[in-house]
């Protein structure tokens, strides 16, 4: 089975002058979970090439078994350094899609016409869509049957309290929890930083970095069931 992973190309944390991008654990954990399960993986991003890594996700306290594996895996590093152009991706060529988080997607993937069309195509073809942490932001402008994709669906994502804990409530373009609820999503969450994944049909979302593997496992279950 073939799975597409879509990463952000955005590297500026608002007007702070700080860098952002994708969160390493949220890429590495699902990458290896899917790879070890025999999935054929393709990586893409809006700009193609090397996606920007949030430097904070390289800090010692942010490391996990998966990130340490990635840091010593030249093959995986090479794949990440040469992501395909998102605009050239076609849902017909894949069985499912996974969006890692990090703050970057709030700026580019949430507004990307290519990403929006891709997600709508995956859902239209009855193929699972998974996103973790800030990546459920990719859903805020997607529609199905004339209304918001998340309306009436069970979803989760990085919470208002988690955003406050990292001090970025006034920096991000929108608070993910608030936006998903405003669109009619049935948002739920657990305590800050605890793993939590929600599956509603073909839509799979996770709350925070610790939820990366559970979301990958849910995507695998959906692929195997399909």
Protein backbone atom coordinates (compact mmCIF):
# COMPACT_ATOMS: atom_id res chain seq x y z
CA UNK A 1 0.00 0.00 0.00
CA UNK A 2 1.12 3.53 -0.74
CA UNK A 3 0.89 6.37 1.79
CA UNK A 4 1.58 10.03 1.09
CA UNK A 5 3.09 12.15 3.87
CA UNK A 6 2.66 15.92 3.45
CA UNK A 7 4.93 18.32 5.30
CA UNK A 8 4.94 22.10 5.67
CA UNK A 9 7.29 24.41 3.79
CA UNK A 10 6.69 27.37 6.14
CA UNK A 11 9.60 28.32 8.43
CA UNK A 12 8.67 31.68 10.01
CA UNK A 13 6.96 31.78 13.42
CA UNK A 14 4.71 34.74 12.72
CA UNK A 15 6.47 38.05 13.33
CA UNK A 16 8.66 36.75 16.16
CA UNK A 17 11.78 36.37 14.04
CA UNK A 18 11.99 32.76 15.23
CA UNK A 19 11.97 29.70 13.02
CA UNK A 20 9.31 27.03 12.84
CA UNK A 21 8.41 24.17 10.49
CA UNK A 22 7.45 20.56 11.10
CA UNK A 23 7.92 18.81 14.44
CA UNK A 24 10.46 16.00 14.18
CA UNK A 25 8.65 13.44 16.37
CA UNK A 26 5.45 13.95 14.40
CA UNK A 27 7.27 12.97 11.22
CA UNK A 28 9.66 10.31 12.52
CA UNK A 29 7.17 8.33 14.64
CA UNK A 30 4.59 7.78 11.88
CA UNK A 31 7.28 7.43 9.20
CA UNK A 32 8.78 4.41 10.92
CA UNK A 33 5.43 3.02 12.08
CA UNK A 34 4.19 3.01 8.50
CA UNK A 35 7.48 1.93 6.95
CA UNK A 36 7.89 -0.99 9.36
CA UNK A 37 4.35 -2.10 8.51
CA UNK A 38 5.34 -2.42 4.87
CA UNK A 39 3.84 0.79 3.54
CA UNK A 40 5.44 2.45 0.50
CA UNK A 41 5.94 6.07 1.52
CA UNK A 42 6.10 9.21 -0.62
CA UNK A 43 6.89 12.61 0.92
CA UNK A 44 5.64 15.92 -0.44
CA UNK A 45 5.58 19.60 0.56
CA UNK A 46 4.34 22.83 -1.05
CA UNK A 47 7.84 23.94 -2.08
CA UNK A 48 9.37 20.48 -2.54
CA UNK A 49 12.87 19.62 -1.39
CA UNK A 50 13.93 19.85 2.26
CA UNK A 51 11.06 20.93 4.52
CA UNK A 52 11.99 23.20 7.43
CA UNK A 53 12.44 21.53 10.80
CA UNK A 54 11.24 23.36 13.90
CA UNK A 55 14.55 23.78 15.77
CA UNK A 56 12.84 23.23 19.12
CA UNK A 57 11.96 19.70 18.05
CA UNK A 58 15.68 18.89 17.89
CA UNK A 59 16.19 19.81 21.55
CA UNK A 60 17.34 16.96 23.82
CA UNK A 61 14.09 16.95 25.79
CA UNK A 62 12.08 16.48 22.58
CA UNK A 63 13.89 13.32 21.48
CA UNK A 64 12.20 9.93 21.31
CA UNK A 65 13.17 6.49 20.09
CA UNK A 66 11.83 7.39 16.64
CA UNK A 67 13.71 10.71 16.39
CA UNK A 68 16.94 9.07 17.51
CA UNK A 69 16.44 6.41 14.85
CA UNK A 70 15.91 9.10 12.23
CA UNK A 71 19.00 11.02 13.33
CA UNK A 72 21.13 7.96 12.55
CA UNK A 73 19.30 6.97 9.36
CA UNK A 74 20.91 8.51 6.24
CA UNK A 75 18.36 6.86 3.96
CA UNK A 76 15.41 8.48 5.73
CA UNK A 77 17.25 11.81 5.85
CA UNK A 78 17.78 11.65 2.10
CA UNK A 79 14.09 10.94 1.49
CA UNK A 80 13.12 13.91 3.67
CA UNK A 81 15.60 16.19 1.90
CA UNK A 82 13.97 15.56 -1.47
CA UNK A 83 10.22 15.82 -0.95
CA UNK A 84 8.07 15.99 -4.06
CA UNK A 85 6.03 19.03 -5.02
CA UNK A 86 2.61 18.86 -3.39
CA UNK A 87 1.00 20.29 -6.53
CA UNK A 88 2.08 17.19 -8.46
CA UNK A 89 0.50 14.69 -6.07
CA UNK A 90 -2.67 12.82 -7.07
CA UNK A 91 -4.81 11.03 -4.50
CA UNK A 92 -5.52 8.31 -7.07
CA UNK A 93 -1.91 7.14 -6.70
CA UNK A 94 -2.15 6.55 -2.92
CA UNK A 95 -4.17 4.59 -0.41
CA UNK A 96 -4.02 7.18 2.39
CA UNK A 97 -2.36 10.41 3.52
CA UNK A 98 -0.67 11.52 6.75
CA UNK A 99 0.03 15.14 7.76
CA UNK A 100 2.69 15.67 10.49
CA UNK A 101 2.30 18.80 12.57
CA UNK A 102 4.50 21.56 13.86
CA UNK A 103 3.35 25.18 13.73
CA UNK A 104 4.22 25.55 10.03
CA UNK A 105 0.96 24.04 8.67
CA UNK A 106 -1.06 26.79 10.36
CA UNK A 107 0.38 29.21 7.82
CA UNK A 108 0.83 27.32 4.56
CA UNK A 109 -1.03 24.00 4.42
CA UNK A 110 -4.18 25.41 6.01
CA UNK A 111 -4.47 27.82 3.07
CA UNK A 112 -2.94 25.65 0.33
CA UNK A 113 -5.31 25.10 -2.59
CA UNK A 114 -3.27 22.03 -3.53
CA UNK A 115 -3.62 20.51 -0.06
CA UNK A 116 -7.31 21.35 0.17
CA UNK A 117 -8.02 19.73 -3.21
CA UNK A 118 -5.92 16.71 -2.28
CA UNK A 119 -7.77 16.08 0.99
CA UNK A 120 -11.14 16.52 -0.68
CA UNK A 121 -10.02 14.03 -3.35
CA UNK A 122 -8.87 11.47 -0.76
CA UNK A 123 -12.18 11.73 1.07
CA UNK A 124 -14.12 11.58 -2.18
CA UNK A 125 -12.28 8.37 -3.09
CA UNK A 126 -13.07 6.90 0.34
CA UNK A 127 -9.42 6.91 1.44
CA UNK A 128 -8.26 7.79 4.98
CA UNK A 129 -6.84 11.18 5.92
CA UNK A 130 -4.72 11.47 9.09
CA UNK A 131 -3.28 14.56 10.77
CA UNK A 132 -1.59 15.13 14.13
CA UNK A 133 -1.08 18.07 16.53
CA UNK A 134 -1.24 21.32 14.52
CA UNK A 135 -1.73 19.46 11.24
CA UNK A 136 -5.53 19.19 11.60
CA UNK A 137 -5.28 22.84 10.51
CA UNK A 138 -5.18 21.38 6.99
CA UNK A 139 -8.88 20.59 7.44
CA UNK A 140 -10.17 24.07 8.21
CA UNK A 141 -10.75 25.08 4.59
CA UNK A 142 -11.70 21.67 3.21
CA UNK A 143 -15.28 20.95 2.25
CA UNK A 144 -17.39 17.94 1.45
CA UNK A 145 -21.01 17.85 0.29
CA UNK A 146 -21.11 21.64 0.30
CA UNK A 147 -20.10 22.13 3.93
CA UNK A 148 -17.00 22.05 6.13
CA UNK A 149 -15.36 18.63 6.15
CA UNK A 150 -15.13 18.64 9.96
CA UNK A 151 -18.77 19.62 10.56
CA UNK A 152 -20.40 16.96 12.71
CA UNK A 153 -17.21 14.89 12.81
CA UNK A 154 -15.27 13.90 15.91
CA UNK A 155 -11.87 15.62 15.82
CA UNK A 156 -8.96 16.63 18.03
CA UNK A 157 -5.79 18.65 17.67
CA UNK A 158 -3.39 20.90 19.58
CA UNK A 159 -5.51 22.45 22.31
CA UNK A 160 -5.86 26.05 23.45
CA UNK A 161 -4.26 25.11 26.76
CA UNK A 162 -1.29 23.48 25.03
CA UNK A 163 -0.85 26.56 22.83
CA UNK A 164 -0.91 28.73 25.94
CA UNK A 165 1.64 26.45 27.58
CA UNK A 166 4.13 27.07 24.75
CA UNK A 167 3.39 30.82 24.85
CA UNK A 168 2.17 31.17 21.27
CA UNK A 169 -1.51 31.98 21.69
CA UNK A 170 -0.98 35.51 20.36
CA UNK A 171 1.46 34.43 17.63
CA UNK A 172 -0.43 31.75 15.70
CA UNK A 173 -2.84 32.88 12.95
CA UNK A 174 -5.67 31.04 14.68
CA UNK A 175 -6.24 28.71 17.63
CA UNK A 176 -6.84 25.27 16.19
CA UNK A 177 -9.27 24.09 18.86
CA UNK A 178 -11.42 27.21 18.45
CA UNK A 179 -11.42 27.01 14.65
CA UNK A 180 -12.37 23.34 14.49
CA UNK A 181 -15.23 23.95 16.93
CA UNK A 182 -16.40 27.02 15.00
CA UNK A 183 -16.63 24.88 11.88
CA UNK A 184 -18.90 22.42 13.68
CA UNK A 185 -16.29 19.84 14.57
CA UNK A 186 -17.00 17.75 17.67
CA UNK A 187 -13.70 18.55 19.37
CA UNK A 188 -12.44 16.48 22.29
CA UNK A 189 -9.12 16.23 24.10
CA UNK A 190 -7.35 14.76 27.10
CA UNK A 191 -4.87 16.31 29.52
CA UNK A 192 -2.10 18.40 27.96
CA UNK A 193 0.72 16.40 26.34
CA UNK A 194 -0.98 13.02 26.77
CA UNK A 195 -1.48 10.82 23.69
CA UNK A 196 -4.94 10.97 22.16
CA UNK A 197 -6.19 9.96 18.72
CA UNK A 198 -9.71 10.19 17.34
CA UNK A 199 -11.10 8.25 14.38
CA UNK A 200 -14.32 9.32 12.69
CA UNK A 201 -14.81 7.21 9.61
CA UNK A 202 -11.96 8.05 7.23
CA UNK A 203 -10.80 11.05 9.26
CA UNK A 204 -8.11 10.47 11.89
CA UNK A 205 -6.73 13.24 14.11
CA UNK A 206 -4.30 13.40 17.04
CA UNK A 207 -3.88 15.96 19.80
CA UNK A 208 -0.13 16.54 20.22
CA UNK A 209 3.34 15.11 19.50
CA UNK A 210 2.78 12.15 21.83
CA UNK A 211 -0.22 11.22 19.67
CA UNK A 212 1.88 10.64 16.54
CA UNK A 213 2.20 6.86 16.86
CA UNK A 214 -1.45 6.33 17.88
CA UNK A 215 -2.55 8.29 14.80
CA UNK A 216 -0.22 6.22 12.59
CA UNK A 217 -1.64 3.05 14.12
CA UNK A 218 -5.18 4.26 13.46
CA UNK A 219 -4.24 5.02 9.84
CA UNK A 220 -2.79 1.53 9.46
CA UNK A 221 -5.98 0.05 10.89
CA UNK A 222 -8.07 2.05 8.42
CA UNK A 223 -5.88 1.00 5.50
CA UNK A 224 -6.02 -2.65 6.48
CA UNK A 225 -9.79 -2.49 6.99
CA UNK A 226 -10.28 -0.85 3.61
